[in-house]
Every structure is written in structure tokens, then in C-alpha cells.
Protein backbone atom coordinates (compact mmCIF):
# COMPACT_ATOMS: atom_id res chain seq x y z
CA ALA A 1 73.66 -35.30 -102.42
CA THR A 2 72.40 -34.96 -98.56
CA ASP A 3 73.60 -31.49 -98.59
CA ASP A 4 72.64 -28.01 -100.95
CA SER A 5 76.05 -28.28 -102.74
CA CYS A 6 74.43 -29.25 -105.35
CA GLU A 7 74.23 -27.79 -109.17
CA VAL A 8 71.73 -30.14 -110.50
CA TYR A 9 69.56 -32.73 -109.01
CA LEU A 10 67.42 -35.78 -109.97
CA LEU A 11 64.79 -36.78 -107.76
CA VAL A 12 63.33 -39.75 -108.89
CA PRO A 13 60.67 -40.40 -106.81
CA ALA A 14 60.88 -38.26 -104.29
CA CYS A 15 57.52 -37.42 -101.46
CA ARG A 16 55.92 -34.20 -101.83
CA GLU A 17 57.19 -32.78 -98.69
CA GLU A 18 60.91 -33.85 -99.64
CA LEU A 19 60.34 -31.95 -102.69
CA HIS A 20 59.03 -28.81 -101.53
CA ARG A 21 61.80 -28.70 -98.87
CA ARG A 22 64.24 -28.73 -101.43
CA MET A 23 62.28 -26.63 -103.67
CA LEU A 24 62.03 -23.80 -101.43
CA ARG A 25 66.09 -24.06 -100.52
CA LEU A 26 66.23 -23.37 -104.51
CA PRO A 27 68.96 -20.37 -104.90
CA ARG A 28 67.28 -17.09 -106.77
CA GLY A 29 66.93 -18.30 -110.33
CA SER A 30 66.94 -21.89 -110.52
CA ARG A 31 65.03 -23.75 -112.86
CA VAL A 32 62.74 -27.01 -112.42
CA ASN A 33 61.76 -28.85 -115.41
CA HIS A 34 59.44 -31.15 -113.62
CA TRP A 35 56.48 -29.41 -111.26
CA PRO A 36 54.53 -31.87 -108.71
CA GLY A 37 51.80 -33.52 -109.90
CA MET A 38 52.67 -33.14 -113.79
CA LEU A 39 52.78 -37.17 -113.96
CA ASP A 40 48.92 -37.05 -113.57
CA VAL A 41 48.40 -34.81 -116.74
CA CYS A 42 50.18 -37.30 -118.52
CA GLU A 43 48.07 -40.11 -117.30
CA LYS A 44 44.21 -40.43 -119.38
CA VAL A 45 42.08 -40.49 -116.39
CA SER A 46 43.90 -37.86 -114.50
CA PHE A 47 44.06 -35.39 -117.52
CA CYS A 48 40.35 -36.32 -118.23
CA ARG A 49 39.62 -35.32 -114.77
CA ALA A 50 41.66 -31.65 -115.18
CA ILE A 51 40.26 -30.88 -117.92
CA ARG A 52 36.65 -31.31 -116.61
CA GLN A 53 38.05 -28.74 -113.93
CA CYS A 54 38.91 -26.48 -116.48
CA ALA A 55 36.04 -26.54 -118.14
CA LEU A 56 34.25 -25.36 -115.61
CA LEU A 57 35.76 -22.20 -115.35
CA CYS A 58 36.30 -22.02 -119.03
CA PRO A 59 33.33 -23.38 -120.91
CA ARG A 60 34.86 -22.78 -124.38
CA LEU A 61 37.30 -25.90 -123.87
CA ASP A 62 34.64 -28.29 -124.79
CA GLU A 63 34.87 -26.49 -128.66
CA TYR A 64 38.32 -28.45 -128.38
CA VAL A 65 38.04 -31.69 -126.48
CA PRO A 66 36.27 -34.58 -127.85
CA PRO A 67 33.60 -36.00 -125.31
CA THR A 68 35.56 -37.84 -123.25
CA TRP A 69 34.63 -40.58 -120.23
CA ILE A 70 36.12 -42.69 -117.70
CA LEU A 71 35.74 -46.16 -118.05
CA PRO A 72 34.41 -48.29 -116.09
CA ASP A 73 33.61 -45.27 -113.61
CA GLU A 74 30.81 -44.17 -116.16
CA ILE A 75 30.19 -47.29 -118.36
CA GLY A 76 25.86 -46.89 -117.27
CA THR A 77 26.52 -43.25 -119.41
CA VAL A 78 28.12 -44.70 -122.22
CA LEU A 79 25.88 -47.57 -122.40
CA ALA A 80 23.27 -45.17 -122.73
CA MET A 81 24.14 -42.70 -125.23
CA LEU A 82 24.97 -45.85 -127.33
CA ASP A 83 21.73 -47.06 -127.27
CA GLU A 84 20.42 -43.35 -127.91
CA ALA A 85 22.58 -43.45 -130.90
CA THR A 86 20.95 -46.86 -132.34
CA ARG A 87 17.41 -45.88 -131.51
CA SER A 88 17.77 -42.51 -133.27
CA GLY A 89 19.68 -44.29 -136.39
CA VAL A 90 22.41 -41.47 -136.20
CA GLY A 91 24.44 -43.94 -138.68
CA HIS A 92 28.04 -44.51 -137.81
CA ARG A 93 29.78 -43.34 -135.14
CA ALA A 94 33.63 -44.25 -134.06
CA PHE A 95 34.50 -44.35 -130.42
CA ILE A 96 38.51 -44.80 -129.63
CA VAL A 97 38.45 -46.98 -126.32
CA LYS A 98 42.24 -46.43 -124.55
CA PRO A 99 43.34 -47.90 -121.35
CA GLU A 100 44.40 -45.79 -118.59
CA TYR A 101 48.14 -47.30 -118.30
CA GLY A 102 48.32 -48.29 -122.07
CA LEU A 103 51.25 -46.73 -124.28
CA GLN A 104 51.96 -46.05 -128.04
CA GLY A 105 48.92 -47.74 -129.00
CA HIS A 106 48.96 -50.45 -126.98
CA GLY A 107 45.57 -52.23 -125.75
CA ILE A 108 43.61 -49.43 -127.83
CA PHE A 109 40.15 -50.67 -129.58
């Protein structure tokens, strides 16, 4: 609807400015189930970047989040780590590689 008479809105997709304008007009007590930027944390690369930012404020987060690298941007770091593991004879190590836009296990190797 183009007016404010609706009680339920489904906005997919909406530009940020339009979404912000509509959110400012919501009546008191309204509820929103998706926030702008929410989909970013559902994508692997965006989520990794967000966690890295949070870890700067909460270093203990590293205890719960496994080491993660963004490929191909950080391929040099990953290769150096693999070389070091081979030289030091650390033993078998497992790595999970997930494509950014894969889902339900597709593309994992």
C-alpha cells in the first residue's frame, strides 16, 4: 500500500531510505521482525567481518568462534599456515571450505 492504513507491511526489497522513512512512521508499540542489514550477518563473509569487529571489543569471543579466513583475500595467510603445519609436523588438521553463497552443504569441500 502507498498509504499508512495497513497494519502489516512486507517490504522485499526496499531501499534503505524508503525503509527508514516507513520505520519512522510506525505507530508506538509496533514490531519489526527484520532490521536493515540483518541479511548481511546471514552471509558467510559479512558475518566473518562482523565477528572480527566484535572480537575487537570482546576478545573472549575467540574462544567460541573458530579461526576463519576470507578467500581469496587471505589466501596468502592460509597457505603460510598450511606450510607451517607441514613443517612442524603438527599432524592431521581438518579445514572446512565453504563458498560465500553456497547453502545446505552445496560447495563445501
